Amino acid sequence: AIGKPLLEGAEVLATVEEHKRAKKVVAYKFKKRKGYRRWTGHRQSVTHVRILDIQYDPLSLVEPDTAMEDKDATEQGKG
């Protein structure tokens, strides 16, 4: 659900702090009384990002002409 809802025209300013590897995730397979033991695992690559600013202006998405027409239409409907 990342990016839901998506904001059109939004900008995120960020910097990459570091690239590194996460802790090892171990999968241990074991079958009792069989002498079967297996260690497997992997390390995931991780990027740490610092979010500096989120810029979003919802009014910039509305066209000025359309906004005025909508306002005029609602005023005429009232009167």
N, C-alpha and C. Protein backbone atom coordinates (compact mmCIF):
# COMPACT_ATOMS: atom_id res chain seq x y z
N ALA A 1 0.83 -1.19 0.00
CA ALA A 1 0.00 0.00 0.00
C ALA A 1 0.87 1.25 0.00
N ILE A 2 2.09 1.14 -0.49
CA ILE A 2 2.95 2.31 -0.55
C ILE A 2 2.48 3.20 -1.69
N GLY A 3 2.35 4.49 -1.40
CA GLY A 3 1.92 5.43 -2.43
C GLY A 3 0.42 5.50 -2.60
N LYS A 4 -0.34 5.00 -1.65
CA LYS A 4 -1.79 5.09 -1.73
C LYS A 4 -2.26 6.01 -0.65
N PRO A 5 -2.89 7.11 -0.91
CA PRO A 5 -3.17 7.66 -2.24
C PRO A 5 -1.94 8.37 -2.81
N LEU A 6 -1.82 8.33 -4.09
CA LEU A 6 -0.73 9.00 -4.78
C LEU A 6 -1.10 10.46 -4.96
N LEU A 7 -0.23 11.36 -4.55
CA LEU A 7 -0.48 12.79 -4.68
C LEU A 7 0.22 13.30 -5.92
N GLU A 8 -0.55 13.64 -6.93
CA GLU A 8 0.02 14.18 -8.15
C GLU A 8 0.66 15.53 -7.85
N GLY A 9 1.85 15.76 -8.35
CA GLY A 9 2.51 17.04 -8.19
C GLY A 9 3.29 17.17 -6.88
N ALA A 10 3.30 16.16 -6.05
CA ALA A 10 4.05 16.23 -4.79
C ALA A 10 5.52 15.91 -5.08
N GLU A 11 6.40 16.57 -4.35
CA GLU A 11 7.83 16.34 -4.49
C GLU A 11 8.42 16.00 -3.14
N VAL A 12 9.30 15.03 -3.11
CA VAL A 12 9.98 14.63 -1.88
C VAL A 12 11.46 14.88 -2.06
N LEU A 13 12.04 15.65 -1.14
CA LEU A 13 13.47 15.90 -1.17
C LEU A 13 14.13 15.00 -0.13
N ALA A 14 15.10 14.20 -0.58
CA ALA A 14 15.73 13.24 0.31
C ALA A 14 17.20 13.10 -0.04
N THR A 15 17.97 12.62 0.94
CA THR A 15 19.38 12.31 0.71
C THR A 15 19.63 10.87 1.15
N VAL A 16 20.54 10.22 0.45
CA VAL A 16 20.92 8.86 0.80
C VAL A 16 21.97 8.95 1.90
N GLU A 17 21.65 8.37 3.06
CA GLU A 17 22.57 8.41 4.19
C GLU A 17 23.66 7.35 4.05
N GLU A 18 23.26 6.11 3.74
CA GLU A 18 24.26 5.04 3.60
C GLU A 18 23.65 3.84 2.88
N HIS A 19 24.53 3.08 2.23
CA HIS A 19 24.19 1.79 1.67
C HIS A 19 24.89 0.75 2.53
N LYS A 20 24.18 -0.26 2.96
CA LYS A 20 24.83 -1.30 3.76
C LYS A 20 24.04 -2.59 3.64
N ARG A 21 24.46 -3.58 4.39
CA ARG A 21 23.79 -4.87 4.41
C ARG A 21 23.10 -5.04 5.75
N ALA A 22 21.91 -5.60 5.72
CA ALA A 22 21.15 -5.83 6.96
C ALA A 22 21.72 -7.05 7.69
N LYS A 23 21.16 -7.33 8.86
CA LYS A 23 21.58 -8.52 9.60
C LYS A 23 21.20 -9.77 8.81
N LYS A 24 21.97 -10.82 9.03
CA LYS A 24 21.73 -12.06 8.30
C LYS A 24 20.42 -12.70 8.77
N VAL A 25 19.62 -13.12 7.80
CA VAL A 25 18.40 -13.87 8.08
C VAL A 25 18.75 -15.34 7.92
N VAL A 26 18.58 -16.11 8.98
CA VAL A 26 19.00 -17.51 8.98
C VAL A 26 17.78 -18.42 8.86
N ALA A 27 17.86 -19.38 7.95
CA ALA A 27 16.86 -20.43 7.85
C ALA A 27 17.55 -21.73 8.25
N TYR A 28 17.12 -22.32 9.33
CA TYR A 28 17.74 -23.53 9.85
C TYR A 28 16.79 -24.69 9.62
N LYS A 29 17.24 -25.65 8.82
CA LYS A 29 16.43 -26.83 8.54
C LYS A 29 16.91 -27.97 9.42
N PHE A 30 15.97 -28.67 10.03
CA PHE A 30 16.32 -29.71 10.98
C PHE A 30 15.27 -30.82 10.93
N LYS A 31 15.74 -32.04 10.86
CA LYS A 31 14.83 -33.19 10.94
C LYS A 31 15.29 -34.06 12.11
N LYS A 32 14.40 -34.26 13.03
CA LYS A 32 14.78 -34.99 14.24
C LYS A 32 15.12 -36.45 13.93
N ARG A 33 16.07 -36.96 14.66
CA ARG A 33 16.52 -38.36 14.59
C ARG A 33 17.08 -38.76 13.22
N LYS A 34 17.41 -37.84 12.36
CA LYS A 34 17.93 -38.18 11.04
C LYS A 34 19.35 -37.66 10.83
N GLY A 35 19.82 -36.83 11.74
CA GLY A 35 21.14 -36.24 11.56
C GLY A 35 21.16 -35.20 10.44
N TYR A 36 20.02 -34.61 10.15
CA TYR A 36 19.89 -33.64 9.06
C TYR A 36 19.79 -32.25 9.63
N ARG A 37 20.81 -31.44 9.38
CA ARG A 37 20.81 -30.04 9.82
C ARG A 37 21.41 -29.20 8.71
N ARG A 38 20.73 -28.15 8.33
CA ARG A 38 21.23 -27.26 7.27
C ARG A 38 21.04 -25.81 7.69
N TRP A 39 22.10 -25.04 7.56
CA TRP A 39 22.03 -23.60 7.79
C TRP A 39 22.05 -22.91 6.44
N THR A 40 21.08 -22.10 6.16
CA THR A 40 21.09 -21.25 4.98
C THR A 40 20.66 -19.86 5.39
N GLY A 41 20.97 -18.91 4.62
CA GLY A 41 20.56 -17.55 4.95
C GLY A 41 21.06 -16.57 3.90
N HIS A 42 20.67 -15.34 4.09
CA HIS A 42 21.12 -14.30 3.18
C HIS A 42 21.10 -12.97 3.91
N ARG A 43 21.78 -11.99 3.33
CA ARG A 43 21.78 -10.63 3.86
C ARG A 43 21.18 -9.72 2.80
N GLN A 44 20.17 -8.97 3.21
CA GLN A 44 19.48 -8.06 2.31
C GLN A 44 20.25 -6.74 2.20
N SER A 45 20.35 -6.19 1.01
CA SER A 45 20.94 -4.87 0.85
C SER A 45 19.95 -3.82 1.32
N VAL A 46 20.44 -2.82 2.07
CA VAL A 46 19.57 -1.81 2.65
C VAL A 46 20.14 -0.44 2.32
N THR A 47 19.26 0.50 1.99
CA THR A 47 19.65 1.89 1.78
C THR A 47 18.90 2.74 2.80
N HIS A 48 19.63 3.50 3.59
CA HIS A 48 19.03 4.43 4.55
C HIS A 48 18.88 5.78 3.87
N VAL A 49 17.65 6.28 3.86
CA VAL A 49 17.33 7.55 3.20
C VAL A 49 16.78 8.52 4.24
N ARG A 50 17.25 9.76 4.22
CA ARG A 50 16.71 10.79 5.11
C ARG A 50 15.81 11.71 4.29
N ILE A 51 14.53 11.81 4.71
CA ILE A 51 13.56 12.68 4.05
C ILE A 51 13.77 14.09 4.60
N LEU A 52 14.10 15.02 3.73
CA LEU A 52 14.35 16.39 4.15
C LEU A 52 13.08 17.25 4.10
N ASP A 53 12.29 17.06 3.05
CA ASP A 53 11.12 17.91 2.90
C ASP A 53 10.13 17.25 1.95
N ILE A 54 8.84 17.49 2.19
CA ILE A 54 7.79 17.05 1.28
C ILE A 54 7.06 18.31 0.83
N GLN A 55 7.10 18.58 -0.46
CA GLN A 55 6.48 19.79 -0.99
C GLN A 55 5.23 19.39 -1.77
N TYR A 56 4.11 19.98 -1.36
CA TYR A 56 2.84 19.68 -2.02
C TYR A 56 1.95 20.89 -1.90
N ASP A 57 1.47 21.37 -3.04
CA ASP A 57 0.55 22.50 -3.08
C ASP A 57 -0.71 22.05 -3.81
N PRO A 58 -1.78 21.68 -3.09
CA PRO A 58 -2.98 21.18 -3.77
C PRO A 58 -3.66 22.22 -4.63
N LEU A 59 -3.45 23.51 -4.33
CA LEU A 59 -4.11 24.56 -5.12
C LEU A 59 -3.47 24.72 -6.49
N SER A 60 -2.22 24.28 -6.63
CA SER A 60 -1.56 24.41 -7.93
C SER A 60 -2.13 23.45 -8.96
N LEU A 61 -2.84 22.42 -8.51
CA LEU A 61 -3.41 21.44 -9.44
C LEU A 61 -4.73 21.90 -10.03
N VAL A 62 -5.39 22.88 -9.39
CA VAL A 62 -6.68 23.37 -9.87
C VAL A 62 -6.43 24.48 -10.88
N GLU A 63 -7.06 24.35 -12.03
CA GLU A 63 -6.91 25.39 -13.04
C GLU A 63 -7.71 26.61 -12.60
N PRO A 64 -7.16 27.82 -12.74
CA PRO A 64 -7.84 29.01 -12.24
C PRO A 64 -9.19 29.26 -12.91
N ASP A 65 -9.29 29.03 -14.22
CA ASP A 65 -10.54 29.27 -14.92
C ASP A 65 -11.64 28.33 -14.43
N THR A 66 -11.31 27.07 -14.23
CA THR A 66 -12.28 26.09 -13.79
C THR A 66 -12.76 26.40 -12.38
N ALA A 67 -11.86 26.85 -11.53
CA ALA A 67 -12.24 27.16 -10.15
C ALA A 67 -13.22 28.32 -10.11
N MET A 68 -13.02 29.32 -10.93
CA MET A 68 -13.92 30.47 -10.96
C MET A 68 -15.28 30.08 -11.53
N GLU A 69 -15.30 29.23 -12.57
CA GLU A 69 -16.57 28.78 -13.14
C GLU A 69 -17.38 27.99 -12.14
N ASP A 70 -16.71 27.12 -11.36
CA ASP A 70 -17.41 26.34 -10.34
C ASP A 70 -18.00 27.25 -9.28
N LYS A 71 -17.25 28.28 -8.89
CA LYS A 71 -17.72 29.22 -7.87
C LYS A 71 -18.94 29.99 -8.38
N ASP A 72 -18.88 30.46 -9.63
CA ASP A 72 -20.01 31.19 -10.21
C ASP A 72 -21.24 30.31 -10.31
N ALA A 73 -21.07 29.04 -10.67
CA ALA A 73 -22.20 28.13 -10.80
C ALA A 73 -22.89 27.89 -9.46
N THR A 74 -22.11 27.80 -8.39
CA THR A 74 -22.71 27.56 -7.07
C THR A 74 -23.43 28.81 -6.58
N GLU A 75 -22.91 30.00 -6.90
CA GLU A 75 -23.57 31.24 -6.49
C GLU A 75 -24.89 31.42 -7.24
N GLN A 76 -24.95 31.04 -8.52
CA GLN A 76 -26.18 31.18 -9.30
C GLN A 76 -27.23 30.19 -8.81
N GLY A 77 -26.81 29.04 -8.36
CA GLY A 77 -27.75 28.03 -7.88
C GLY A 77 -28.42 28.45 -6.57
N LYS A 78 -27.73 29.25 -5.77
CA LYS A 78 -28.29 29.67 -4.49
C LYS A 78 -29.37 30.74 -4.65
N GLY A 79 -29.19 31.58 -5.65
CA GLY A 79 -30.00 32.77 -5.68
C GLY A 79 -31.19 32.72 -6.50
